Protein backbone atom coordinates (compact mmCIF):
# COMPACT_ATOMS: atom_id res chain seq x y z
CA UNK A 1 12.39 -36.04 -31.19
CA UNK A 2 13.81 -33.54 -28.71
CA UNK A 3 11.38 -30.84 -27.46
CA UNK A 4 12.28 -27.58 -25.89
CA UNK A 5 11.78 -27.22 -22.17
CA UNK A 6 8.62 -25.48 -21.04
CA UNK A 7 9.44 -22.05 -19.61
CA UNK A 8 8.74 -21.54 -15.99
CA UNK A 9 6.20 -19.05 -14.67
CA UNK A 10 8.87 -16.51 -13.85
CA UNK A 11 10.42 -16.93 -17.30
CA UNK A 12 7.31 -15.78 -19.14
CA UNK A 13 7.80 -12.60 -21.09
CA UNK A 14 6.99 -9.47 -19.09
CA UNK A 15 7.05 -11.19 -15.58
CA UNK A 16 10.19 -9.27 -14.49
CA UNK A 17 8.69 -6.03 -15.63
CA UNK A 18 5.50 -6.78 -13.76
CA UNK A 19 7.41 -7.70 -10.55
CA UNK A 20 9.33 -4.38 -10.95
CA UNK A 21 6.07 -2.48 -10.81
CA UNK A 22 5.34 -4.13 -7.42
CA UNK A 23 8.78 -3.16 -6.32
CA UNK A 24 8.38 0.50 -7.16
CA UNK A 25 4.76 0.97 -5.93
CA UNK A 26 5.41 1.15 -2.21
CA UNK A 27 8.58 3.30 -2.19
CA UNK A 28 7.07 5.63 -4.84
CA UNK A 29 3.99 6.33 -2.73
CA UNK A 30 5.97 6.69 0.48
CA UNK A 31 8.61 8.92 -1.09
CA UNK A 32 6.15 11.28 -2.76
CA UNK A 33 3.96 11.44 0.33
CA UNK A 34 6.83 12.13 2.80
CA UNK A 35 8.25 14.79 0.48
CA UNK A 36 4.96 16.53 0.65
CA UNK A 37 4.88 16.21 4.41
CA UNK A 38 8.07 18.42 4.44
CA UNK A 39 7.06 20.77 1.58
CA UNK A 40 3.38 21.47 2.02
CA UNK A 41 2.61 24.44 4.21
CA UNK A 42 0.29 23.81 7.19
CA UNK A 43 0.60 20.01 6.92
CA UNK A 44 1.43 18.23 10.22
CA UNK A 45 1.68 14.42 10.07
CA UNK A 46 0.94 14.32 13.85
CA UNK A 47 -2.45 15.74 13.09
CA UNK A 48 -3.26 15.12 9.42
CA UNK A 49 -3.40 11.74 7.62
CA UNK A 50 -1.36 11.44 4.42
CA UNK A 51 -4.57 11.24 2.54
CA UNK A 52 -5.26 14.98 3.43
CA UNK A 53 -2.50 15.91 0.98
CA UNK A 54 -4.95 15.32 -1.82
CA UNK A 55 -6.60 18.63 -0.86
CA UNK A 56 -5.42 22.13 -1.81
CA UNK A 57 -3.75 23.56 -4.95
CA UNK A 58 -1.19 20.80 -5.08
CA UNK A 59 -3.70 18.10 -4.19
CA UNK A 60 -3.40 16.68 -7.72
CA UNK A 61 0.03 15.45 -6.84
CA UNK A 62 -1.19 13.11 -4.08
CA UNK A 63 -4.19 12.05 -6.12
CA UNK A 64 -1.88 11.08 -8.87
CA UNK A 65 0.44 9.45 -6.42
CA UNK A 66 -2.46 7.19 -5.29
CA UNK A 67 -3.39 6.38 -8.78
CA UNK A 68 0.01 5.53 -10.06
CA UNK A 69 1.00 3.43 -7.01
CA UNK A 70 -2.31 1.62 -7.33
CA UNK A 71 -1.80 0.79 -11.00
CA UNK A 72 1.75 -0.39 -10.25
CA UNK A 73 0.49 -2.65 -7.40
CA UNK A 74 -2.11 -4.14 -9.63
CA UNK A 75 0.40 -4.84 -12.32
CA UNK A 76 2.74 -6.18 -9.68
CA UNK A 77 0.00 -8.58 -8.57
CA UNK A 78 0.13 -10.23 -11.91
CA UNK A 79 3.86 -10.70 -11.71
CA UNK A 80 3.51 -12.18 -8.19
CA UNK A 81 0.82 -14.61 -9.45
CA UNK A 82 3.19 -15.84 -12.10
CA UNK A 83 6.26 -15.97 -9.72
CA UNK A 84 4.29 -17.84 -7.04
CA UNK A 85 2.33 -20.14 -9.28
CA UNK A 86 1.92 -23.50 -7.48
CA UNK A 87 3.79 -22.37 -4.46
CA UNK A 88 2.43 -21.63 -0.97
CA UNK A 89 0.58 -18.35 -0.94
CA UNK A 90 0.50 -18.33 -4.70
CA UNK A 91 -3.22 -17.74 -4.92
CA UNK A 92 -4.12 -15.33 -2.13
CA UNK A 93 -0.98 -13.20 -1.98
CA UNK A 94 -1.35 -11.91 -5.54
CA UNK A 95 -5.17 -11.36 -5.09
CA UNK A 96 -4.61 -9.33 -1.94
CA UNK A 97 -1.85 -7.17 -3.59
CA UNK A 98 -4.38 -6.56 -6.45
CA UNK A 99 -7.02 -5.58 -3.93
CA UNK A 100 -4.64 -3.27 -2.20
CA UNK A 101 -3.85 -1.66 -5.58
CA UNK A 102 -7.50 -1.21 -6.46
CA UNK A 103 -8.06 0.37 -3.03
CA UNK A 104 -5.23 2.82 -3.61
CA UNK A 105 -6.76 3.92 -6.96
CA UNK A 106 -10.20 4.43 -5.35
CA UNK A 107 -8.60 6.31 -2.47
CA UNK A 108 -7.04 8.75 -4.92
CA UNK A 109 -10.38 9.12 -6.86
CA UNK A 110 -12.37 10.05 -3.74
CA UNK A 111 -10.83 12.98 -1.88
CA UNK A 112 -11.49 13.36 1.90
CA UNK A 113 -12.83 16.66 3.28
CA UNK A 114 -10.31 19.40 4.22
CA UNK A 115 -10.07 19.46 7.99
CA UNK A 116 -8.04 20.56 11.06
CA UNK A 117 -6.36 23.62 9.50
CA UNK A 118 -5.17 21.92 6.24
CA UNK A 119 -5.04 23.25 3.62
CA UNK A 120 -4.17 26.60 5.08
CA UNK A 121 -7.32 28.61 5.81
CA UNK A 122 -9.40 25.44 6.68
CA UNK A 123 -11.09 25.80 10.08
CA UNK A 124 -9.57 23.92 12.93
CA UNK A 125 -11.09 20.55 14.03
CA UNK A 126 -13.08 18.04 11.99
CA UNK A 127 -16.00 19.19 9.72
CA UNK A 128 -19.50 19.21 11.17
CA UNK A 129 -20.68 17.17 8.16
CA UNK A 130 -18.75 14.84 5.73
CA UNK A 131 -19.50 14.49 2.09
CA UNK A 132 -19.98 11.30 0.33
CA UNK A 133 -16.46 11.31 -1.13
CA UNK A 134 -14.97 11.33 2.44
CA UNK A 135 -16.99 8.08 3.21
CA UNK A 136 -15.98 6.66 -0.15
CA UNK A 137 -12.31 7.50 0.67
CA UNK A 138 -12.49 5.91 4.12
CA UNK A 139 -14.05 2.78 2.60
CA UNK A 140 -11.20 2.58 -0.03
CA UNK A 141 -8.66 3.13 2.70
CA UNK A 142 -10.21 0.32 4.82
CA UNK A 143 -10.07 -1.99 1.83
CA UNK A 144 -6.40 -1.17 1.23
CA UNK A 145 -5.36 -1.54 4.79
CA UNK A 146 -7.21 -4.82 5.30
CA UNK A 147 -5.65 -6.25 2.13
CA UNK A 148 -2.18 -5.11 3.10
CA UNK A 149 -2.46 -6.66 6.59
CA UNK A 150 -3.84 -9.81 5.20
CA UNK A 151 -1.14 -10.15 2.53
CA UNK A 152 1.56 -9.64 5.08
CA UNK A 153 0.17 -12.60 7.13
CA UNK A 154 -0.29 -14.79 4.03
CA UNK A 155 3.28 -14.06 3.11
CA UNK A 156 4.29 -14.82 6.76
CA UNK A 157 2.72 -18.28 6.43
CA UNK A 158 4.29 -18.86 2.94
CA UNK A 159 7.82 -18.09 4.28
CA UNK A 160 7.27 -20.28 7.31
CA UNK A 161 6.21 -23.19 5.13
CA UNK A 162 9.32 -22.76 2.92
CA UNK A 163 11.69 -22.56 5.87
CA UNK A 164 12.45 -18.88 5.58
CA UNK A 165 11.98 -17.89 9.17
CA UNK A 166 13.51 -14.40 8.96
CA UNK A 167 11.18 -13.32 6.19
CA UNK A 168 8.19 -14.84 7.97
CA UNK A 169 8.90 -12.87 11.10
CA UNK A 170 9.41 -9.75 9.09
CA UNK A 171 6.06 -10.30 7.41
CA UNK A 172 4.36 -10.58 10.79
CA UNK A 173 6.00 -7.46 11.90
CA UNK A 174 4.92 -5.52 8.88
CA UNK A 175 1.35 -6.66 9.10
CA UNK A 176 1.12 -6.13 12.71
CA UNK A 177 2.57 -2.58 12.37
CA UNK A 178 -0.24 -1.59 10.12
CA UNK A 179 -2.88 -3.46 12.28
CA UNK A 180 -1.84 -1.62 15.32
CA UNK A 181 -1.21 1.74 13.70
CA UNK A 182 -4.65 1.78 12.03
CA UNK A 183 -6.36 0.41 15.08
CA UNK A 184 -4.81 3.18 17.23
CA UNK A 185 -5.76 5.84 14.78
CA UNK A 186 -9.34 4.59 14.46
CA UNK A 187 -9.76 4.87 18.25
CA UNK A 188 -8.64 8.44 18.18
CA UNK A 189 -5.41 7.76 19.93
CA UNK A 190 -2.73 10.45 20.26
CA UNK A 191 -0.57 10.78 17.13
CA UNK A 192 -2.95 8.44 15.31
CA UNK A 193 -2.23 9.91 11.86
CA UNK A 194 1.49 9.27 12.48
CA UNK A 195 1.02 5.67 13.64
CA UNK A 196 -1.22 4.98 10.71
CA UNK A 197 1.46 6.38 8.26
CA UNK A 198 4.18 4.30 9.83
CA UNK A 199 2.11 1.15 9.66
CA UNK A 200 0.90 1.68 6.17
CA UNK A 201 4.26 2.56 4.78
CA UNK A 202 5.88 -0.39 6.57
CA UNK A 203 3.46 -2.86 5.12
CA UNK A 204 3.69 -1.27 1.60
CA UNK A 205 7.48 -1.38 1.62
CA UNK A 206 7.59 -4.99 2.89
CA UNK A 207 5.23 -6.05 -0.06
CA UNK A 208 7.67 -4.15 -2.38
CA UNK A 209 10.62 -6.01 -0.72
CA UNK A 210 9.03 -9.35 -1.26
CA UNK A 211 8.49 -8.50 -4.83
CA UNK A 212 12.11 -7.51 -5.21
CA UNK A 213 13.20 -10.87 -3.66
CA UNK A 214 11.18 -12.64 -6.37
CA UNK A 215 12.52 -10.39 -9.03
CA UNK A 216 16.03 -11.36 -8.12
CA UNK A 217 15.23 -14.94 -8.52
CA UNK A 218 13.09 -14.63 -11.64
């Protein structure tokens, strides 16, 4: 008796749609955030982190941006788990992408305090006291950044093991960009909010690019 071949993991129904979610997550968040950098009065990326956009009358837009991108990343993690099943990095890469997505959702749910003149009318400088939501936001942000850095390095090892040196190097560059950008911002370095934004967007876009690579081969 002839039996039908067993479908591969990437051929499972819905896998391509899930991978597409991961493809969209990074560009969506970056695009919506950067559009607000241009359009929101009083916002200065050299002084204010992108998370500050969750404040003010239009703050709901950035809150929704965090939530939608986070949900897309979590869904994308399921697609990556299927696409990478049995392959190097197939366990930890999807897990870390899921953690990154969960961190994004939490970062949107907990809004940091208005500070340093944004939104317009907010006193200059940092608040004298931070509310619990600011600490929760910082914790969620840290979780997101750690997961993004880690997944970039996991992907670097995966690509190195499969002989794809170019993507391995790009993975290292993406993870290191966020590591250095976040580290510089945490030390209070000049233009720290800008270096953090560049690092975070670079890592997020690279995860989306890797998902796009697997979507093409699914």
